[in-house]
Amino acid sequence: MNEEKRQAYWRANKALIRNLLIVWATVSIVMSILLVQPLNNIQFFGVPFGFWMAQQGSIYVFVILIFIYAIQMDKLDQKYNSDRRD
């Protein structure tokens, strides 16, 4: 892989990581801490939604983001043929 292609690969990789971390931070901080009181007015599986997001929801989102990262990185590797040695 030439230097220009390598740099494009890492830019795409860092953009993916940044975007996934933004989603995770939004769910973890905003929904589980900052908006917990308004979300607690919603019942979800018999418990307040804000409480559920703080205890379980952010973990589920994190696991889903791991799968999204793996799938997107496979696509990125195929696009840039990073599994091949030049």
PDB file of N, CA and C in Angstrom:
ATOM      1  N   MET A   1       0.866  -1.175   0.000  1.00  0.00           N
ATOM      2  CA  MET A   1       0.000   0.000   0.000  1.00  0.00           C
ATOM      3  C   MET A   1       0.906   1.229   0.000  1.00  0.00           C
ATOM      4  N   ASN A   2       0.661   2.136  -0.935  1.00  0.00           N
ATOM      5  CA  ASN A   2       1.494   3.329  -0.995  1.00  0.00           C
ATOM      6  C   ASN A   2       1.125   4.303   0.132  1.00  0.00           C
ATOM      7  N   GLU A   3       1.951   5.290   0.304  1.00  0.00           N
ATOM      8  CA  GLU A   3       1.791   6.215   1.433  1.00  0.00           C
ATOM      9  C   GLU A   3       0.474   6.987   1.377  1.00  0.00           C
ATOM     10  N   GLU A   4       0.071   7.431   0.206  1.00  0.00           N
ATOM     11  CA  GLU A   4      -1.180   8.193   0.070  1.00  0.00           C
ATOM     12  C   GLU A   4      -2.390   7.325   0.434  1.00  0.00           C
ATOM     13  N   LYS A   5      -2.373   6.089  -0.033  1.00  0.00           N
ATOM     14  CA  LYS A   5      -3.465   5.159   0.276  1.00  0.00           C
ATOM     15  C   LYS A   5      -3.480   4.826   1.765  1.00  0.00           C
ATOM     16  N   ARG A   6      -2.309   4.672   2.346  1.00  0.00           N
ATOM     17  CA  ARG A   6      -2.195   4.374   3.775  1.00  0.00           C
ATOM     18  C   ARG A   6      -2.759   5.531   4.611  1.00  0.00           C
ATOM     19  N   GLN A   7      -2.435   6.749   4.221  1.00  0.00           N
ATOM     20  CA  GLN A   7      -2.955   7.909   4.952  1.00  0.00           C
ATOM     21  C   GLN A   7      -4.470   8.014   4.824  1.00  0.00           C
ATOM     22  N   ALA A   8      -5.001   7.734   3.649  1.00  0.00           N
ATOM     23  CA  ALA A   8      -6.454   7.761   3.457  1.00  0.00           C
ATOM     24  C   ALA A   8      -7.130   6.687   4.307  1.00  0.00           C
ATOM     25  N   TYR A   9      -6.504   5.526   4.384  1.00  0.00           N
ATOM     26  CA  TYR A   9      -7.024   4.433   5.210  1.00  0.00           C
ATOM     27  C   TYR A   9      -7.103   4.856   6.677  1.00  0.00           C
ATOM     28  N   TRP A  10      -6.022   5.447   7.186  1.00  0.00           N
ATOM     29  CA  TRP A  10      -6.007   5.842   8.597  1.00  0.00           C
ATOM     30  C   TRP A  10      -6.941   7.014   8.875  1.00  0.00           C
ATOM     31  N   ARG A  11      -7.100   7.918   7.905  1.00  0.00           N
ATOM     32  CA  ARG A  11      -8.077   9.003   8.080  1.00  0.00           C
ATOM     33  C   ARG A  11      -9.478   8.423   8.201  1.00  0.00           C
ATOM     34  N   ALA A  12      -9.807   7.466   7.343  1.00  0.00           N
ATOM     35  CA  ALA A  12     -11.125   6.833   7.401  1.00  0.00           C
ATOM     36  C   ALA A  12     -11.297   6.056   8.699  1.00  0.00           C
ATOM     37  N   ASN A  13     -10.245   5.377   9.136  1.00  0.00           N
ATOM     38  CA  ASN A  13     -10.292   4.625  10.384  1.00  0.00           C
ATOM     39  C   ASN A  13     -10.522   5.564  11.579  1.00  0.00           C
ATOM     40  N   LYS A  14      -9.774   6.649  11.628  1.00  0.00           N
ATOM     41  CA  LYS A  14      -9.937   7.598  12.732  1.00  0.00           C
ATOM     42  C   LYS A  14     -11.303   8.269  12.707  1.00  0.00           C
ATOM     43  N   ALA A  15     -11.834   8.546  11.523  1.00  0.00           N
ATOM     44  CA  ALA A  15     -13.170   9.141  11.420  1.00  0.00           C
ATOM     45  C   ALA A  15     -14.229   8.170  11.941  1.00  0.00           C
ATOM     46  N   LEU A  16     -14.092   6.897  11.608  1.00  0.00           N
ATOM     47  CA  LEU A  16     -15.027   5.887  12.104  1.00  0.00           C
ATOM     48  C   LEU A  16     -14.975   5.800  13.622  1.00  0.00           C
ATOM     49  N   ILE A  17     -13.775   5.729  14.165  1.00  0.00           N
ATOM     50  CA  ILE A  17     -13.622   5.658  15.622  1.00  0.00           C
ATOM     51  C   ILE A  17     -14.205   6.900  16.278  1.00  0.00           C
ATOM     52  N   ARG A  18     -13.906   8.070  15.733  1.00  0.00           N
ATOM     53  CA  ARG A  18     -14.430   9.320  16.293  1.00  0.00           C
ATOM     54  C   ARG A  18     -15.955   9.321  16.308  1.00  0.00           C
ATOM     55  N   ASN A  19     -16.562   8.931  15.194  1.00  0.00           N
ATOM     56  CA  ASN A  19     -18.023   8.941  15.107  1.00  0.00           C
ATOM     57  C   ASN A  19     -18.660   7.955  16.076  1.00  0.00           C
ATOM     58  N   LEU A  20     -18.070   6.781  16.208  1.00  0.00           N
ATOM     59  CA  LEU A  20     -18.617   5.797  17.147  1.00  0.00           C
ATOM     60  C   LEU A  20     -18.448   6.261  18.595  1.00  0.00           C
ATOM     61  N   LEU A  21     -17.338   6.902  18.893  1.00  0.00           N
ATOM     62  CA  LEU A  21     -17.149   7.427  20.252  1.00  0.00           C
ATOM     63  C   LEU A  21     -18.124   8.564  20.555  1.00  0.00           C
ATOM     64  N   ILE A  22     -18.440   9.361  19.558  1.00  0.00           N
ATOM     65  CA  ILE A  22     -19.432  10.431  19.744  1.00  0.00           C
ATOM     66  C   ILE A  22     -20.794   9.829  20.074  1.00  0.00           C
ATOM     67  N   VAL A  23     -21.170   8.780  19.353  1.00  0.00           N
ATOM     68  CA  VAL A  23     -22.447   8.113  19.631  1.00  0.00           C
ATOM     69  C   VAL A  23     -22.440   7.549  21.047  1.00  0.00           C
ATOM     70  N   TRP A  24     -21.360   6.858  21.404  1.00  0.00           N
ATOM     71  CA  TRP A  24     -21.288   6.253  22.734  1.00  0.00           C
ATOM     72  C   TRP A  24     -21.314   7.328  23.831  1.00  0.00           C
ATOM     73  N   ALA A  25     -20.571   8.411  23.644  1.00  0.00           N
ATOM     74  CA  ALA A  25     -20.560   9.487  24.641  1.00  0.00           C
ATOM     75  C   ALA A  25     -21.931  10.131  24.748  1.00  0.00           C
ATOM     76  N   THR A  26     -22.594  10.317  23.626  1.00  0.00           N
ATOM     77  CA  THR A  26     -23.926  10.911  23.647  1.00  0.00           C
ATOM     78  C   THR A  26     -24.889  10.038  24.440  1.00  0.00           C
ATOM     79  N   VAL A  27     -24.867   8.752  24.152  1.00  0.00           N
ATOM     80  CA  VAL A  27     -25.764   7.838  24.866  1.00  0.00           C
ATOM     81  C   VAL A  27     -25.384   7.769  26.344  1.00  0.00           C
ATOM     82  N   SER A  28     -24.092   7.617  26.620  1.00  0.00           N
ATOM     83  CA  SER A  28     -23.649   7.434  28.001  1.00  0.00           C
ATOM     84  C   SER A  28     -23.820   8.690  28.849  1.00  0.00           C
ATOM     85  N   ILE A  29     -23.433   9.822  28.325  1.00  0.00           N
ATOM     86  CA  ILE A  29     -23.451  11.048  29.126  1.00  0.00           C
ATOM     87  C   ILE A  29     -24.802  11.745  29.051  1.00  0.00           C
ATOM     88  N   VAL A  30     -25.263  11.999  27.840  1.00  0.00           N
ATOM     89  CA  VAL A  30     -26.478  12.787  27.678  1.00  0.00           C
ATOM     90  C   VAL A  30     -27.702  12.021  28.175  1.00  0.00           C
ATOM     91  N   MET A  31     -27.888  10.805  27.669  1.00  0.00           N
ATOM     92  CA  MET A  31     -29.109  10.074  28.018  1.00  0.00           C
ATOM     93  C   MET A  31     -29.060   9.477  29.424  1.00  0.00           C
ATOM     94  N   SER A  32     -27.863   9.125  29.906  1.00  0.00           N
ATOM     95  CA  SER A  32     -27.766   8.458  31.200  1.00  0.00           C
ATOM     96  C   SER A  32     -27.497   9.407  32.360  1.00  0.00           C
ATOM     97  N   ILE A  33     -27.042  10.611  32.069  1.00  0.00           N
ATOM     98  CA  ILE A  33     -26.726  11.545  33.155  1.00  0.00           C
ATOM     99  C   ILE A  33     -27.522  12.840  33.020  1.00  0.00           C
ATOM    100  N   LEU A  34     -27.358  13.524  31.902  1.00  0.00           N
ATOM    101  CA  LEU A  34     -27.958  14.847  31.760  1.00  0.00           C
ATOM    102  C   LEU A  34     -29.479  14.812  31.605  1.00  0.00           C
ATOM    103  N   LEU A  35     -30.004  13.819  30.901  1.00  0.00           N
ATOM    104  CA  LEU A  35     -31.448  13.751  30.663  1.00  0.00           C
ATOM    105  C   LEU A  35     -32.140  12.665  31.478  1.00  0.00           C
ATOM    106  N   VAL A  36     -31.495  12.210  32.543  1.00  0.00           N
ATOM    107  CA  VAL A  36     -32.052  11.091  33.300  1.00  0.00           C
ATOM    108  C   VAL A  36     -33.406  11.441  33.930  1.00  0.00           C
ATOM    109  N   GLN A  37     -33.574  12.642  34.427  1.00  0.00           N
ATOM    110  CA  GLN A  37     -34.843  13.009  35.071  1.00  0.00           C
ATOM    111  C   GLN A  37     -36.014  13.029  34.089  1.00  0.00           C
ATOM    112  N   PRO A  38     -35.897  13.706  32.939  1.00  0.00           N
ATOM    113  CA  PRO A  38     -37.021  13.647  31.993  1.00  0.00           C
ATOM    114  C   PRO A  38     -37.272  12.233  31.457  1.00  0.00           C
ATOM    115  N   LEU A  39     -36.199  11.464  31.241  1.00  0.00           N
ATOM    116  CA  LEU A  39     -36.373  10.112  30.719  1.00  0.00           C
ATOM    117  C   LEU A  39     -36.991   9.173  31.748  1.00  0.00           C
ATOM    118  N   ASN A  40     -36.842   9.497  33.018  1.00  0.00           N
ATOM    119  CA  ASN A  40     -37.434   8.648  34.056  1.00  0.00           C
ATOM    120  C   ASN A  40     -38.960   8.700  34.039  1.00  0.00           C
ATOM    121  N   ASN A  41     -39.543   9.672  33.347  1.00  0.00           N
ATOM    122  CA  ASN A  41     -41.005   9.729  33.216  1.00  0.00           C
ATOM    123  C   ASN A  41     -41.531   8.658  32.263  1.00  0.00           C
ATOM    124  N   ILE A  42     -40.637   8.038  31.499  1.00  0.00           N
ATOM    125  CA  ILE A  42     -41.012   6.983  30.552  1.00  0.00           C
ATOM    126  C   ILE A  42     -40.723   5.638  31.209  1.00  0.00           C
ATOM    127  N   GLN A  43     -41.695   4.755  31.209  1.00  0.00           N
ATOM    128  CA  GLN A  43     -41.500   3.407  31.742  1.00  0.00           C
ATOM    129  C   GLN A  43     -41.014   2.481  30.637  1.00  0.00           C
ATOM    130  N   PHE A  44     -39.987   1.685  30.940  1.00  0.00           N
ATOM    131  CA  PHE A  44     -39.396   0.757  29.966  1.00  0.00           C
ATOM    132  C   PHE A  44     -39.132  -0.551  30.693  1.00  0.00           C
ATOM    133  N   PHE A  45     -39.830  -1.607  30.303  1.00  0.00           N
ATOM    134  CA  PHE A  45     -39.738  -2.899  30.986  1.00  0.00           C
ATOM    135  C   PHE A  45     -40.014  -2.768  32.484  1.00  0.00           C
ATOM    136  N   GLY A  46     -40.914  -1.870  32.836  1.00  0.00           N
ATOM    137  CA  GLY A  46     -41.321  -1.706  34.224  1.00  0.00           C
ATOM    138  C   GLY A  46     -40.406  -0.848  35.081  1.00  0.00           C
ATOM    139  N   VAL A  47     -39.366  -0.269  34.492  1.00  0.00           N
ATOM    140  CA  VAL A  47     -38.469   0.614  35.241  1.00  0.00           C
ATOM    141  C   VAL A  47     -38.374   1.946  34.510  1.00  0.00           C
ATOM    142  N   PRO A  48     -37.988   3.007  35.201  1.00  0.00           N
ATOM    143  CA  PRO A  48     -37.810   4.302  34.528  1.00  0.00           C
ATOM    144  C   PRO A  48     -36.730   4.202  33.437  1.00  0.00           C
ATOM    145  N   PHE A  49     -37.015   4.788  32.278  1.00  0.00           N
ATOM    146  CA  PHE A  49     -36.121   4.671  31.133  1.00  0.00           C
ATOM    147  C   PHE A  49     -34.742   5.274  31.398  1.00  0.00           C
ATOM    148  N   GLY A  50     -34.674   6.394  32.097  1.00  0.00           N
ATOM    149  CA  GLY A  50     -33.382   7.012  32.416  1.00  0.00           C
ATOM    150  C   GLY A  50     -32.515   6.093  33.255  1.00  0.00           C
ATOM    151  N   PHE A  51     -33.132   5.433  34.237  1.00  0.00           N
ATOM    152  CA  PHE A  51     -32.413   4.472  35.071  1.00  0.00           C
ATOM    153  C   PHE A  51     -31.938   3.296  34.228  1.00  0.00           C
ATOM    154  N   TRP A  52     -32.821   2.786  33.356  1.00  0.00           N
ATOM    155  CA  TRP A  52     -32.458   1.652  32.514  1.00  0.00           C
ATOM    156  C   TRP A  52     -31.296   2.011  31.588  1.00  0.00           C
ATOM    157  N   MET A  53     -31.327   3.222  31.001  1.00  0.00           N
ATOM    158  CA  MET A  53     -30.235   3.648  30.122  1.00  0.00           C
ATOM    159  C   MET A  53     -28.922   3.726  30.886  1.00  0.00           C
ATOM    160  N   ALA A  54     -28.962   4.211  32.109  1.00  0.00           N
ATOM    161  CA  ALA A  54     -27.743   4.332  32.897  1.00  0.00           C
ATOM    162  C   ALA A  54     -27.198   2.959  33.282  1.00  0.00           C
ATOM    163  N   GLN A  55     -28.073   2.013  33.554  1.00  0.00           N
ATOM    164  CA  GLN A  55     -27.641   0.708  34.032  1.00  0.00           C
ATOM    165  C   GLN A  55     -27.389  -0.295  32.914  1.00  0.00           C
ATOM    166  N   GLN A  56     -28.242  -0.314  31.900  1.00  0.00           N
ATOM    167  CA  GLN A  56     -28.144  -1.344  30.865  1.00  0.00           C
ATOM    168  C   GLN A  56     -28.006  -0.775  29.462  1.00  0.00           C
ATOM    169  N   GLY A  57     -28.748   0.256  29.151  1.00  0.00           N
ATOM    170  CA  GLY A  57     -28.819   0.761  27.783  1.00  0.00           C
ATOM    171  C   GLY A  57     -27.487   1.172  27.208  1.00  0.00           C
ATOM    172  N   SER A  58     -26.678   1.883  27.994  1.00  0.00           N
ATOM    173  CA  SER A  58     -25.384   2.324  27.469  1.00  0.00           C
ATOM    174  C   SER A  58     -24.455   1.143  27.219  1.00  0.00           C
ATOM    175  N   ILE A  59     -24.590   0.079  27.992  1.00  0.00           N
ATOM    176  CA  ILE A  59     -23.782  -1.122  27.765  1.00  0.00           C
ATOM    177  C   ILE A  59     -24.215  -1.797  26.468  1.00  0.00           C
ATOM    178  N   TYR A  60     -25.525  -1.909  26.255  1.00  0.00           N
ATOM    179  CA  TYR A  60     -26.026  -2.493  25.007  1.00  0.00           C
ATOM    180  C   TYR A  60     -25.564  -1.688  23.802  1.00  0.00           C
ATOM    181  N   VAL A  61     -25.627  -0.385  23.915  1.00  0.00           N
ATOM    182  CA  VAL A  61     -25.180   0.471  22.810  1.00  0.00           C
ATOM    183  C   VAL A  61     -23.693   0.245  22.543  1.00  0.00           C
ATOM    184  N   PHE A  62     -22.896   0.131  23.594  1.00  0.00           N
ATOM    185  CA  PHE A  62     -21.463  -0.110  23.431  1.00  0.00           C
ATOM    186  C   PHE A  62     -21.210  -1.423  22.698  1.00  0.00           C
ATOM    187  N   VAL A  63     -21.907  -2.488  23.060  1.00  0.00           N
ATOM    188  CA  VAL A  63     -21.725  -3.783  22.396  1.00  0.00           C
ATOM    189  C   VAL A  63     -22.147  -3.695  20.923  1.00  0.00           C
ATOM    190  N   ILE A  64     -23.241  -3.014  20.652  1.00  0.00           N
ATOM    191  CA  ILE A  64     -23.684  -2.822  19.266  1.00  0.00           C
ATOM    192  C   ILE A  64     -22.635  -2.042  18.478  1.00  0.00           C
ATOM    193  N   LEU A  65     -22.041  -1.022  19.101  1.00  0.00           N
ATOM    194  CA  LEU A  65     -21.006  -0.236  18.425  1.00  0.00           C
ATOM    195  C   LEU A  65     -19.768  -1.078  18.117  1.00  0.00           C
ATOM    196  N   ILE A  66     -19.452  -2.059  18.956  1.00  0.00           N
ATOM    197  CA  ILE A  66     -18.330  -2.957  18.679  1.00  0.00           C
ATOM    198  C   ILE A  66     -18.591  -3.731  17.395  1.00  0.00           C
ATOM    199  N   PHE A  67     -19.814  -4.259  17.246  1.00  0.00           N
ATOM    200  CA  PHE A  67     -20.153  -4.989  16.028  1.00  0.00           C
ATOM    201  C   PHE A  67     -20.138  -4.068  14.808  1.00  0.00           C
ATOM    202  N   ILE A  68     -20.665  -2.860  14.962  1.00  0.00           N
ATOM    203  CA  ILE A  68     -20.641  -1.897  13.855  1.00  0.00           C
ATOM    204  C   ILE A  68     -19.207  -1.594  13.456  1.00  0.00           C
ATOM    205  N   TYR A  69     -18.325  -1.403  14.441  1.00  0.00           N
ATOM    206  CA  TYR A  69     -16.923  -1.130  14.151  1.00  0.00           C
ATOM    207  C   TYR A  69     -16.291  -2.287  13.386  1.00  0.00           C
ATOM    208  N   ALA A  70     -16.535  -3.519  13.817  1.00  0.00           N
ATOM    209  CA  ALA A  70     -15.950  -4.683  13.148  1.00  0.00           C
ATOM    210  C   ALA A  70     -16.431  -4.784  11.703  1.00  0.00           C
ATOM    211  N   ILE A  71     -17.719  -4.589  11.476  1.00  0.00           N
ATOM    212  CA  ILE A  71     -18.274  -4.665  10.127  1.00  0.00           C
ATOM    213  C   ILE A  71     -17.712  -3.556   9.246  1.00  0.00           C
ATOM    214  N   GLN A  72     -17.693  -2.332   9.777  1.00  0.00           N
ATOM    215  CA  GLN A  72     -17.188  -1.202   8.993  1.00  0.00           C
ATOM    216  C   GLN A  72     -15.692  -1.334   8.705  1.00  0.00           C
ATOM    217  N   MET A  73     -14.932  -1.878   9.654  1.00  0.00           N
ATOM    218  CA  MET A  73     -13.497  -2.065   9.416  1.00  0.00           C
ATOM    219  C   MET A  73     -13.253  -3.137   8.371  1.00  0.00           C
ATOM    220  N   ASP A  74     -14.072  -4.182   8.333  1.00  0.00           N
ATOM    221  CA  ASP A  74     -13.953  -5.173   7.261  1.00  0.00           C
ATOM    222  C   ASP A  74     -14.158  -4.520   5.903  1.00  0.00           C
ATOM    223  N   LYS A  75     -15.174  -3.662   5.811  1.00  0.00           N
ATOM    224  CA  LYS A  75     -15.432  -2.950   4.559  1.00  0.00           C
ATOM    225  C   LYS A  75     -14.269  -2.025   4.203  1.00  0.00           C
ATOM    226  N   LEU A  76     -13.745  -1.337   5.210  1.00  0.00           N
ATOM    227  CA  LEU A  76     -12.622  -0.427   4.985  1.00  0.00           C
ATOM    228  C   LEU A  76     -11.381  -1.203   4.547  1.00  0.00           C
ATOM    229  N   ASP A  77     -11.121  -2.340   5.174  1.00  0.00           N
ATOM    230  CA  ASP A  77      -9.982  -3.171   4.781  1.00  0.00           C
ATOM    231  C   ASP A  77     -10.129  -3.656   3.343  1.00  0.00           C
ATOM    232  N   GLN A  78     -11.329  -4.054   2.972  1.00  0.00           N
ATOM    233  CA  GLN A  78     -11.547  -4.502   1.598  1.00  0.00           C
ATOM    234  C   GLN A  78     -11.374  -3.352   0.609  1.00  0.00           C
ATOM    235  N   LYS A  79     -11.868  -2.179   0.992  1.00  0.00           N
ATOM    236  CA  LYS A  79     -11.757  -1.027   0.099  1.00  0.00           C
ATOM    237  C   LYS A  79     -10.303  -0.660  -0.164  1.00  0.00           C
ATOM    238  N   TYR A  80      -9.482  -0.708   0.876  1.00  0.00           N
ATOM    239  CA  TYR A  80      -8.088  -0.302   0.734  1.00  0.00           C
ATOM    240  C   TYR A  80      -7.136  -1.485   0.588  1.00  0.00           C
ATOM    241  N   ASN A  81      -7.687  -2.690   0.517  1.00  0.00           N
ATOM    242  CA  ASN A  81      -6.866  -3.901   0.395  1.00  0.00           C
ATOM    243  C   ASN A  81      -5.747  -3.926   1.424  1.00  0.00           C
ATOM    244  N   SER A  82      -6.047  -3.579   2.653  1.00  0.00           N
ATOM    245  CA  SER A  82      -5.011  -3.489   3.669  1.00  0.00           C
ATOM    246  C   SER A  82      -4.543  -4.862   4.133  1.00  0.00           C
ATOM    247  N   ASP A  83      -5.267  -5.926   3.773  1.00  0.00           N
ATOM    248  CA  ASP A  83      -4.832  -7.257   4.183  1.00  0.00           C
ATOM    249  C   ASP A  83      -3.773  -7.826   3.229  1.00  0.00           C
ATOM    250  N   ARG A  84      -3.538  -7.141   2.119  1.00  0.00           N
ATOM    251  CA  ARG A  84      -2.511  -7.555   1.154  1.00  0.00           C
ATOM    252  C   ARG A  84      -1.208  -6.819   1.409  1.00  0.00           C
ATOM    253  N   ARG A  85      -0.128  -7.511   1.276  1.00  0.00           N
ATOM    254  CA  ARG A  85       1.192  -6.891   1.382  1.00  0.00           C
ATOM    255  C   ARG A  85       1.660  -6.469   0.005  1.00  0.00           C
ATOM    256  N   ASP A  86       2.231  -5.270  -0.080  1.00  0.00           N
ATOM    257  CA  ASP A  86       2.773  -4.798  -1.371  1.00  0.00           C
ATOM    258  C   ASP A  86       4.213  -5.218  -1.522  1.00  0.00           C
TER     259      ASP A  86
END
